[in-house]
């Protein structure tokens, strides 16, 4: 299998995950700013690889599988660091992970029935707000900002998850 440019960017995003985590945990002057920079690069690569895949006809089964997996790994990895640090309650992280697993399961069931579930706007808003909130949480902000951030992440996650299931309830018939 020949890897496309889009798939190479997706693989690079996966490779950046341990870099972000190391930078978050290794304490040196400015380490969180470095972690933030790498996290932003990894997050933006999601839009870049999607654009390249669509506009240069590089959509592949590999990309369809690895791209959403890379996104989930990036978000869940950073989120678990926030749980470890006490920035986010574990129950909130469980809600986010449960939504990701449920939507992935819904998509798998849909594919079995010959239906492809495209990303809804609420899912895109959830992704964007999660990335922005996680970026803010890497900065030296007051505790209430951190709380507002994880609340936004949970609310957009729940809303988009409910919307996916309501709009695609016919998949289970």
N, C-alpha and C. Protein backbone atom coordinates (compact mmCIF):
# COMPACT_ATOMS: atom_id res chain seq x y z
N UNK A 1 0.84 -1.18 0.00
CA UNK A 1 0.00 0.00 0.00
C UNK A 1 0.89 1.25 0.00
N UNK A 2 0.61 2.13 -0.92
CA UNK A 2 1.36 3.39 -1.00
C UNK A 2 0.63 4.43 -0.16
N UNK A 3 1.36 5.07 0.75
CA UNK A 3 0.76 6.09 1.60
C UNK A 3 0.64 7.40 0.85
N UNK A 4 -0.52 8.03 0.98
CA UNK A 4 -0.74 9.33 0.37
C UNK A 4 -0.17 10.41 1.28
N UNK A 5 -0.08 11.61 0.76
CA UNK A 5 0.38 12.75 1.58
C UNK A 5 -0.55 12.93 2.76
N UNK A 6 -1.85 12.83 2.52
CA UNK A 6 -2.83 12.98 3.61
C UNK A 6 -2.60 11.94 4.70
N UNK A 7 -2.36 10.70 4.31
CA UNK A 7 -2.13 9.64 5.30
C UNK A 7 -0.83 9.85 6.06
N UNK A 8 0.19 10.36 5.39
CA UNK A 8 1.46 10.66 6.07
C UNK A 8 1.27 11.74 7.13
N UNK A 9 0.43 12.73 6.82
CA UNK A 9 0.15 13.78 7.80
C UNK A 9 -0.60 13.20 9.00
N UNK A 10 -1.53 12.30 8.74
CA UNK A 10 -2.27 11.65 9.82
C UNK A 10 -1.32 10.85 10.71
N UNK A 11 -0.39 10.11 10.10
CA UNK A 11 0.59 9.34 10.86
C UNK A 11 1.48 10.27 11.68
N UNK A 12 1.83 11.41 11.11
CA UNK A 12 2.63 12.40 11.86
C UNK A 12 1.86 12.90 13.08
N UNK A 13 0.54 13.07 12.93
CA UNK A 13 -0.28 13.50 14.08
C UNK A 13 -0.22 12.47 15.20
N UNK A 14 -0.31 11.22 14.84
CA UNK A 14 -0.21 10.15 15.85
C UNK A 14 1.17 10.20 16.52
N UNK A 15 2.21 10.41 15.72
CA UNK A 15 3.58 10.48 16.27
C UNK A 15 3.77 11.68 17.20
N UNK A 16 2.99 12.73 17.01
CA UNK A 16 3.12 13.92 17.86
C UNK A 16 2.47 13.75 19.24
N UNK A 17 1.61 12.75 19.38
CA UNK A 17 0.91 12.55 20.66
C UNK A 17 1.90 12.32 21.80
N UNK A 18 2.84 11.37 21.70
CA UNK A 18 3.77 11.21 22.83
C UNK A 18 4.64 12.45 23.05
N UNK A 19 4.90 13.20 22.00
CA UNK A 19 5.68 14.44 22.15
C UNK A 19 4.91 15.43 23.01
N UNK A 20 3.62 15.61 22.71
CA UNK A 20 2.78 16.50 23.52
C UNK A 20 2.77 16.05 24.97
N UNK A 21 2.57 14.76 25.19
CA UNK A 21 2.49 14.24 26.56
C UNK A 21 3.81 14.43 27.31
N UNK A 22 4.92 14.14 26.64
CA UNK A 22 6.23 14.35 27.29
C UNK A 22 6.43 15.82 27.65
N UNK A 23 6.09 16.69 26.74
CA UNK A 23 6.26 18.13 27.01
C UNK A 23 5.35 18.60 28.13
N UNK A 24 4.19 17.99 28.27
CA UNK A 24 3.29 18.36 29.36
C UNK A 24 3.85 17.91 30.71
N UNK A 25 4.48 16.75 30.73
CA UNK A 25 4.94 16.18 32.00
C UNK A 25 6.37 16.57 32.39
N UNK A 26 7.25 16.78 31.42
CA UNK A 26 8.63 17.11 31.76
C UNK A 26 8.69 18.59 32.11
N UNK A 27 9.07 18.85 33.35
CA UNK A 27 9.05 20.22 33.85
C UNK A 27 10.35 20.95 33.53
N UNK A 28 10.25 21.93 32.65
CA UNK A 28 11.35 22.84 32.36
C UNK A 28 10.72 24.18 31.99
N UNK A 29 11.46 25.26 32.06
CA UNK A 29 10.87 26.57 31.78
C UNK A 29 10.22 26.62 30.39
N UNK A 30 8.94 26.94 30.37
CA UNK A 30 8.21 27.06 29.12
C UNK A 30 7.69 25.75 28.56
N UNK A 31 7.79 24.67 29.33
CA UNK A 31 7.39 23.36 28.78
C UNK A 31 5.94 23.33 28.30
N UNK A 32 5.04 24.03 28.99
CA UNK A 32 3.64 24.00 28.58
C UNK A 32 3.42 24.78 27.29
N UNK A 33 4.23 25.80 27.06
CA UNK A 33 4.11 26.53 25.79
C UNK A 33 4.58 25.66 24.62
N UNK A 34 5.61 24.87 24.86
CA UNK A 34 6.07 23.92 23.84
C UNK A 34 5.00 22.84 23.61
N UNK A 35 4.42 22.35 24.71
CA UNK A 35 3.35 21.36 24.59
C UNK A 35 2.17 21.94 23.81
N UNK A 36 1.83 23.19 24.12
CA UNK A 36 0.74 23.87 23.42
C UNK A 36 1.04 23.99 21.93
N UNK A 37 2.26 24.38 21.60
CA UNK A 37 2.63 24.54 20.19
C UNK A 37 2.51 23.22 19.44
N UNK A 38 3.00 22.15 20.02
CA UNK A 38 2.93 20.84 19.36
C UNK A 38 1.48 20.37 19.28
N UNK A 39 0.69 20.62 20.33
CA UNK A 39 -0.72 20.26 20.32
C UNK A 39 -1.46 21.01 19.21
N UNK A 40 -1.16 22.28 19.04
CA UNK A 40 -1.81 23.08 17.98
C UNK A 40 -1.43 22.52 16.61
N UNK A 41 -0.16 22.20 16.43
CA UNK A 41 0.28 21.62 15.16
C UNK A 41 -0.45 20.30 14.89
N UNK A 42 -0.52 19.45 15.91
CA UNK A 42 -1.21 18.17 15.75
C UNK A 42 -2.69 18.38 15.45
N UNK A 43 -3.32 19.31 16.16
CA UNK A 43 -4.75 19.58 15.94
C UNK A 43 -5.01 20.13 14.55
N UNK A 44 -4.19 21.06 14.12
CA UNK A 44 -4.37 21.67 12.79
C UNK A 44 -4.09 20.67 11.67
N UNK A 45 -3.24 19.70 11.94
CA UNK A 45 -2.94 18.71 10.91
C UNK A 45 -4.18 17.92 10.52
N UNK A 46 -5.16 17.84 11.42
CA UNK A 46 -6.41 17.17 11.11
C UNK A 46 -7.13 17.87 9.96
N UNK A 47 -7.15 19.19 10.00
CA UNK A 47 -7.81 19.95 8.93
C UNK A 47 -6.99 19.86 7.64
N UNK A 48 -5.67 19.89 7.78
CA UNK A 48 -4.79 19.85 6.61
C UNK A 48 -4.92 18.51 5.88
N UNK A 49 -4.86 17.41 6.63
CA UNK A 49 -4.93 16.11 5.95
C UNK A 49 -6.30 15.89 5.31
N UNK A 50 -7.35 16.38 5.96
CA UNK A 50 -8.69 16.27 5.37
C UNK A 50 -8.82 17.07 4.09
N UNK A 51 -8.28 18.27 4.11
CA UNK A 51 -8.31 19.13 2.93
C UNK A 51 -7.55 18.47 1.78
N UNK A 52 -6.35 18.01 2.07
CA UNK A 52 -5.52 17.37 1.04
C UNK A 52 -6.21 16.12 0.49
N UNK A 53 -6.76 15.31 1.39
CA UNK A 53 -7.42 14.07 0.95
C UNK A 53 -8.58 14.37 0.01
N UNK A 54 -9.40 15.35 0.36
CA UNK A 54 -10.57 15.66 -0.48
C UNK A 54 -10.20 16.37 -1.77
N UNK A 55 -9.33 17.36 -1.69
CA UNK A 55 -9.05 18.20 -2.86
C UNK A 55 -8.04 17.59 -3.83
N UNK A 56 -7.28 16.61 -3.38
CA UNK A 56 -6.30 15.98 -4.27
C UNK A 56 -6.63 14.50 -4.48
N UNK A 57 -7.88 14.16 -4.22
CA UNK A 57 -8.37 12.80 -4.45
C UNK A 57 -7.49 11.75 -3.78
N UNK A 58 -7.17 11.98 -2.51
CA UNK A 58 -6.34 11.05 -1.75
C UNK A 58 -7.14 10.34 -0.65
N UNK A 59 -8.45 10.33 -0.77
CA UNK A 59 -9.27 9.64 0.22
C UNK A 59 -8.99 8.14 0.09
N UNK A 60 -8.67 7.51 1.21
CA UNK A 60 -8.35 6.08 1.19
C UNK A 60 -9.00 5.39 2.38
N UNK A 61 -9.12 4.09 2.30
CA UNK A 61 -9.65 3.34 3.43
C UNK A 61 -8.74 3.48 4.64
N UNK A 62 -7.43 3.50 4.41
CA UNK A 62 -6.47 3.70 5.50
C UNK A 62 -6.76 5.04 6.20
N UNK A 63 -6.91 6.09 5.41
CA UNK A 63 -7.19 7.42 5.97
C UNK A 63 -8.51 7.48 6.70
N UNK A 64 -9.53 6.83 6.13
CA UNK A 64 -10.85 6.81 6.77
C UNK A 64 -10.80 6.14 8.13
N UNK A 65 -9.91 5.17 8.27
CA UNK A 65 -9.78 4.47 9.55
C UNK A 65 -8.86 5.21 10.51
N UNK A 66 -7.68 5.60 10.04
CA UNK A 66 -6.66 6.16 10.93
C UNK A 66 -6.93 7.60 11.33
N UNK A 67 -7.50 8.41 10.43
CA UNK A 67 -7.73 9.82 10.75
C UNK A 67 -8.61 10.01 11.99
N UNK A 68 -9.81 9.41 12.04
CA UNK A 68 -10.61 9.60 13.26
C UNK A 68 -9.98 8.96 14.49
N UNK A 69 -9.24 7.88 14.28
CA UNK A 69 -8.54 7.25 15.40
C UNK A 69 -7.46 8.19 15.95
N UNK A 70 -6.73 8.84 15.07
CA UNK A 70 -5.69 9.79 15.49
C UNK A 70 -6.30 10.94 16.29
N UNK A 71 -7.45 11.44 15.84
CA UNK A 71 -8.13 12.52 16.55
C UNK A 71 -8.50 12.09 17.96
N UNK A 72 -9.09 10.91 18.05
CA UNK A 72 -9.52 10.40 19.35
C UNK A 72 -8.34 10.17 20.28
N UNK A 73 -7.25 9.59 19.75
CA UNK A 73 -6.06 9.36 20.57
C UNK A 73 -5.47 10.66 21.09
N UNK A 74 -5.42 11.68 20.25
CA UNK A 74 -4.89 12.98 20.67
C UNK A 74 -5.73 13.57 21.79
N UNK A 75 -7.03 13.63 21.58
CA UNK A 75 -7.92 14.24 22.56
C UNK A 75 -7.94 13.44 23.86
N UNK A 76 -8.08 12.14 23.76
CA UNK A 76 -8.16 11.31 24.98
C UNK A 76 -6.85 11.35 25.75
N UNK A 77 -5.73 11.34 25.05
CA UNK A 77 -4.43 11.39 25.74
C UNK A 77 -4.27 12.66 26.55
N UNK A 78 -4.53 13.80 25.93
CA UNK A 78 -4.39 15.08 26.64
C UNK A 78 -5.43 15.18 27.75
N UNK A 79 -6.64 14.70 27.48
CA UNK A 79 -7.70 14.75 28.49
C UNK A 79 -7.32 13.93 29.72
N UNK A 80 -6.69 12.78 29.52
CA UNK A 80 -6.29 11.96 30.67
C UNK A 80 -5.19 12.64 31.50
N UNK A 81 -4.35 13.42 30.85
CA UNK A 81 -3.38 14.22 31.61
C UNK A 81 -4.13 15.23 32.48
N UNK A 82 -5.15 15.86 31.91
CA UNK A 82 -5.94 16.83 32.69
C UNK A 82 -6.64 16.16 33.86
N UNK A 83 -7.11 14.94 33.67
CA UNK A 83 -7.71 14.20 34.78
C UNK A 83 -6.65 13.93 35.84
N UNK A 84 -5.47 13.50 35.41
CA UNK A 84 -4.36 13.22 36.31
C UNK A 84 -3.99 14.45 37.14
N UNK A 85 -4.02 15.61 36.51
CA UNK A 85 -3.65 16.85 37.19
C UNK A 85 -4.79 17.45 38.02
N UNK A 86 -5.97 16.87 37.95
CA UNK A 86 -7.11 17.42 38.68
C UNK A 86 -7.77 18.59 37.97
N UNK A 87 -7.47 18.77 36.68
CA UNK A 87 -8.09 19.85 35.90
C UNK A 87 -9.49 19.48 35.44
N UNK A 88 -9.74 18.19 35.37
CA UNK A 88 -11.00 17.69 34.82
C UNK A 88 -11.41 16.46 35.62
N UNK A 89 -12.68 16.38 36.03
CA UNK A 89 -13.09 15.18 36.79
C UNK A 89 -13.13 13.94 35.88
N UNK A 90 -12.85 12.80 36.48
CA UNK A 90 -12.83 11.56 35.71
C UNK A 90 -14.18 11.27 35.07
N UNK A 91 -15.27 11.59 35.77
CA UNK A 91 -16.59 11.31 35.19
C UNK A 91 -16.80 12.09 33.89
N UNK A 92 -16.25 13.29 33.81
CA UNK A 92 -16.38 14.09 32.60
C UNK A 92 -15.60 13.43 31.45
N UNK A 93 -14.42 12.93 31.77
CA UNK A 93 -13.62 12.23 30.75
C UNK A 93 -14.33 10.96 30.30
N UNK A 94 -14.98 10.27 31.22
CA UNK A 94 -15.71 9.05 30.86
C UNK A 94 -16.84 9.38 29.89
N UNK A 95 -17.52 10.50 30.09
CA UNK A 95 -18.58 10.91 29.18
C UNK A 95 -18.02 11.14 27.78
N UNK A 96 -16.88 11.82 27.70
CA UNK A 96 -16.27 12.11 26.40
C UNK A 96 -15.86 10.81 25.71
N UNK A 97 -15.21 9.92 26.44
CA UNK A 97 -14.77 8.65 25.86
C UNK A 97 -15.98 7.80 25.45
N UNK A 98 -17.00 7.78 26.30
CA UNK A 98 -18.20 6.99 25.98
C UNK A 98 -18.87 7.51 24.71
N UNK A 99 -18.94 8.82 24.55
CA UNK A 99 -19.53 9.39 23.33
C UNK A 99 -18.74 8.96 22.10
N UNK A 100 -17.41 9.04 22.21
CA UNK A 100 -16.57 8.66 21.07
C UNK A 100 -16.78 7.20 20.70
N UNK A 101 -16.83 6.34 21.69
CA UNK A 101 -17.04 4.91 21.42
C UNK A 101 -18.43 4.65 20.85
N UNK A 102 -19.44 5.31 21.39
CA UNK A 102 -20.81 5.11 20.91
C UNK A 102 -20.99 5.60 19.48
N UNK A 103 -20.45 6.77 19.16
CA UNK A 103 -20.58 7.30 17.80
C UNK A 103 -19.80 6.41 16.82
N UNK A 104 -18.63 5.94 17.24
CA UNK A 104 -17.86 5.03 16.39
C UNK A 104 -18.66 3.74 16.15
N UNK A 105 -19.28 3.22 17.20
CA UNK A 105 -20.12 2.03 17.07
C UNK A 105 -21.30 2.28 16.14
N UNK A 106 -21.93 3.44 16.28
CA UNK A 106 -23.05 3.80 15.40
C UNK A 106 -22.61 3.83 13.95
N UNK A 107 -21.44 4.40 13.70
CA UNK A 107 -20.94 4.45 12.33
C UNK A 107 -20.65 3.05 11.78
N UNK A 108 -20.13 2.17 12.63
CA UNK A 108 -19.87 0.80 12.18
C UNK A 108 -21.15 0.07 11.84
N UNK A 109 -22.18 0.24 12.66
CA UNK A 109 -23.47 -0.39 12.39
C UNK A 109 -24.05 0.18 11.10
N UNK A 110 -23.92 1.48 10.91
CA UNK A 110 -24.43 2.13 9.70
C UNK A 110 -23.74 1.60 8.44
N UNK A 111 -22.42 1.44 8.52
CA UNK A 111 -21.66 0.94 7.38
C UNK A 111 -22.12 -0.47 7.02
N UNK A 112 -22.39 -1.28 8.02
CA UNK A 112 -22.90 -2.63 7.77
C UNK A 112 -24.20 -2.59 6.97
N UNK A 113 -25.00 -1.55 7.23
CA UNK A 113 -26.26 -1.39 6.52
C UNK A 113 -26.13 -0.60 5.23
N UNK A 114 -24.91 -0.29 4.84
CA UNK A 114 -24.68 0.44 3.60
C UNK A 114 -24.83 1.94 3.70
N UNK A 115 -24.85 2.47 4.91
CA UNK A 115 -25.02 3.92 5.10
C UNK A 115 -23.73 4.50 5.67
N UNK A 116 -23.34 5.63 5.15
CA UNK A 116 -22.17 6.35 5.67
C UNK A 116 -22.67 7.56 6.44
N UNK A 117 -22.23 7.70 7.68
CA UNK A 117 -22.64 8.84 8.50
C UNK A 117 -21.52 9.87 8.44
N UNK A 118 -21.83 10.96 7.79
CA UNK A 118 -20.85 12.05 7.69
C UNK A 118 -20.80 12.81 9.00
N UNK A 119 -19.70 13.52 9.22
CA UNK A 119 -19.57 14.33 10.42
C UNK A 119 -20.61 15.45 10.38
N UNK A 120 -21.36 15.58 11.46
CA UNK A 120 -22.38 16.63 11.57
C UNK A 120 -21.71 17.92 12.04
N UNK A 121 -22.39 19.04 11.84
CA UNK A 121 -21.84 20.32 12.28
C UNK A 121 -21.61 20.32 13.78
N UNK A 122 -22.51 19.69 14.53
CA UNK A 122 -22.32 19.67 15.98
C UNK A 122 -21.05 18.91 16.36
N UNK A 123 -20.71 17.90 15.57
CA UNK A 123 -19.47 17.16 15.81
C UNK A 123 -18.25 18.01 15.50
N UNK A 124 -18.36 18.82 14.45
CA UNK A 124 -17.25 19.72 14.10
C UNK A 124 -17.09 20.81 15.16
N UNK A 125 -18.22 21.32 15.67
CA UNK A 125 -18.17 22.32 16.73
C UNK A 125 -17.59 21.71 18.00
N UNK A 126 -17.99 20.47 18.28
CA UNK A 126 -17.44 19.77 19.44
C UNK A 126 -15.93 19.63 19.32
N UNK A 127 -15.47 19.23 18.17
CA UNK A 127 -14.03 19.05 17.95
C UNK A 127 -13.29 20.38 18.10
N UNK A 128 -13.80 21.41 17.45
CA UNK A 128 -13.15 22.72 17.52
C UNK A 128 -13.15 23.28 18.94
N UNK A 129 -14.28 23.18 19.63
CA UNK A 129 -14.33 23.72 20.99
C UNK A 129 -13.44 22.91 21.93
N UNK A 130 -13.35 21.60 21.71
CA UNK A 130 -12.47 20.77 22.54
C UNK A 130 -11.01 21.19 22.33
N UNK A 131 -10.62 21.38 21.09
CA UNK A 131 -9.24 21.78 20.80
C UNK A 131 -8.92 23.14 21.41
N UNK A 132 -9.84 24.10 21.26
CA UNK A 132 -9.62 25.44 21.83
C UNK A 132 -9.55 25.36 23.35
N UNK A 133 -10.48 24.63 23.94
CA UNK A 133 -10.49 24.51 25.41
C UNK A 133 -9.23 23.81 25.93
N UNK A 134 -8.82 22.76 25.24
CA UNK A 134 -7.61 22.07 25.68
C UNK A 134 -6.38 22.96 25.54
N UNK A 135 -6.37 23.81 24.54
CA UNK A 135 -5.28 24.79 24.39
C UNK A 135 -5.28 25.77 25.56
N UNK A 136 -6.45 26.30 25.87
CA UNK A 136 -6.56 27.25 27.00
C UNK A 136 -6.10 26.61 28.31
N UNK A 137 -6.44 25.33 28.48
CA UNK A 137 -6.09 24.63 29.72
C UNK A 137 -4.58 24.42 29.85
N UNK A 138 -3.84 24.57 28.76
CA UNK A 138 -2.38 24.47 28.82
C UNK A 138 -1.73 25.78 29.22
N UNK A 139 -2.52 26.84 29.23
CA UNK A 139 -1.98 28.16 29.57
C UNK A 139 -2.18 28.45 31.06
N UNK A 140 -1.41 29.39 31.59
CA UNK A 140 -1.59 29.75 33.01
C UNK A 140 -2.85 30.62 33.18
N UNK A 141 -3.99 29.97 33.24
CA UNK A 141 -5.26 30.67 33.39
C UNK A 141 -5.85 30.37 34.76
N UNK A 142 -6.77 31.23 35.22
CA UNK A 142 -7.42 30.96 36.52
C UNK A 142 -8.18 29.64 36.51
N UNK A 143 -8.35 29.09 37.68
CA UNK A 143 -9.02 27.79 37.84
C UNK A 143 -10.43 27.80 37.24
N UNK A 144 -11.15 28.91 37.36
CA UNK A 144 -12.51 28.94 36.84
C UNK A 144 -12.52 28.81 35.31
N UNK A 145 -11.48 29.30 34.63
CA UNK A 145 -11.39 29.14 33.17
C UNK A 145 -11.22 27.68 32.82
N UNK A 146 -10.42 26.99 33.59
CA UNK A 146 -10.23 25.55 33.37
C UNK A 146 -11.55 24.81 33.56
N UNK A 147 -12.30 25.20 34.61
CA UNK A 147 -13.60 24.57 34.85
C UNK A 147 -14.58 24.86 33.72
N UNK A 148 -14.62 26.10 33.27
CA UNK A 148 -15.51 26.46 32.15
C UNK A 148 -15.12 25.64 30.91
N UNK A 149 -13.83 25.47 30.70
CA UNK A 149 -13.37 24.71 29.53
C UNK A 149 -13.85 23.27 29.55
N UNK A 150 -13.64 22.56 30.66
CA UNK A 150 -14.06 21.16 30.64
C UNK A 150 -15.58 21.04 30.60
N UNK A 151 -16.30 22.02 31.15
CA UNK A 151 -17.76 22.00 31.07
C UNK A 151 -18.20 22.18 29.62
N UNK A 152 -17.56 23.09 28.89
CA UNK A 152 -17.87 23.28 27.47
C UNK A 152 -17.60 22.00 26.69
N UNK A 153 -16.47 21.35 26.99
CA UNK A 153 -16.12 20.09 26.31
C UNK A 153 -17.21 19.05 26.55
N UNK A 154 -17.65 18.90 27.79
CA UNK A 154 -18.68 17.90 28.11
C UNK A 154 -20.01 18.25 27.45
N UNK A 155 -20.42 19.50 27.53
CA UNK A 155 -21.71 19.91 26.96
C UNK A 155 -21.75 19.72 25.44
N UNK A 156 -20.69 20.15 24.75
CA UNK A 156 -20.68 19.98 23.29
C UNK A 156 -20.58 18.51 22.90
N UNK A 157 -19.89 17.74 23.72
CA UNK A 157 -19.77 16.30 23.49
C UNK A 157 -21.12 15.62 23.62
N UNK A 158 -21.84 15.92 24.69
CA UNK A 158 -23.15 15.30 24.92
C UNK A 158 -24.13 15.73 23.83
N UNK A 159 -24.15 17.02 23.53
CA UNK A 159 -25.08 17.52 22.51
C UNK A 159 -24.84 16.83 21.16
N UNK A 160 -23.57 16.80 20.74
CA UNK A 160 -23.29 16.20 19.43
C UNK A 160 -23.57 14.70 19.43
N UNK A 161 -23.30 14.04 20.54
CA UNK A 161 -23.58 12.60 20.62
C UNK A 161 -25.07 12.32 20.53
N UNK A 162 -25.88 13.09 21.25
CA UNK A 162 -27.33 12.92 21.20
C UNK A 162 -27.83 13.20 19.78
N UNK A 163 -27.31 14.27 19.17
CA UNK A 163 -27.73 14.61 17.81
C UNK A 163 -27.41 13.47 16.82
N UNK A 164 -26.22 12.89 16.92
CA UNK A 164 -25.85 11.78 16.04
C UNK A 164 -26.87 10.65 16.15
N UNK A 165 -27.24 10.31 17.38
CA UNK A 165 -28.15 9.19 17.56
C UNK A 165 -29.57 9.52 17.14
N UNK A 166 -30.02 10.74 17.38
CA UNK A 166 -31.37 11.11 16.95
C UNK A 166 -31.47 11.14 15.43
N UNK A 167 -30.49 11.76 14.78
CA UNK A 167 -30.52 11.87 13.32
C UNK A 167 -30.31 10.54 12.62
N UNK A 168 -29.73 9.58 13.31
CA UNK A 168 -29.42 8.30 12.68
C UNK A 168 -30.10 7.11 13.36
N UNK A 169 -31.21 7.38 14.02
CA UNK A 169 -31.94 6.31 14.73
C UNK A 169 -32.39 5.20 13.79
N UNK A 170 -32.59 5.54 12.51
CA UNK A 170 -33.04 4.54 11.54
C UNK A 170 -32.00 3.44 11.32
N UNK A 171 -30.77 3.68 11.72
CA UNK A 171 -29.71 2.68 11.55
C UNK A 171 -30.03 1.41 12.34
N UNK A 172 -30.76 1.56 13.45
CA UNK A 172 -31.04 0.43 14.32
C UNK A 172 -32.32 -0.31 13.95
N UNK A 173 -33.01 0.13 12.90
CA UNK A 173 -34.27 -0.51 12.50
C UNK A 173 -34.01 -1.70 11.60
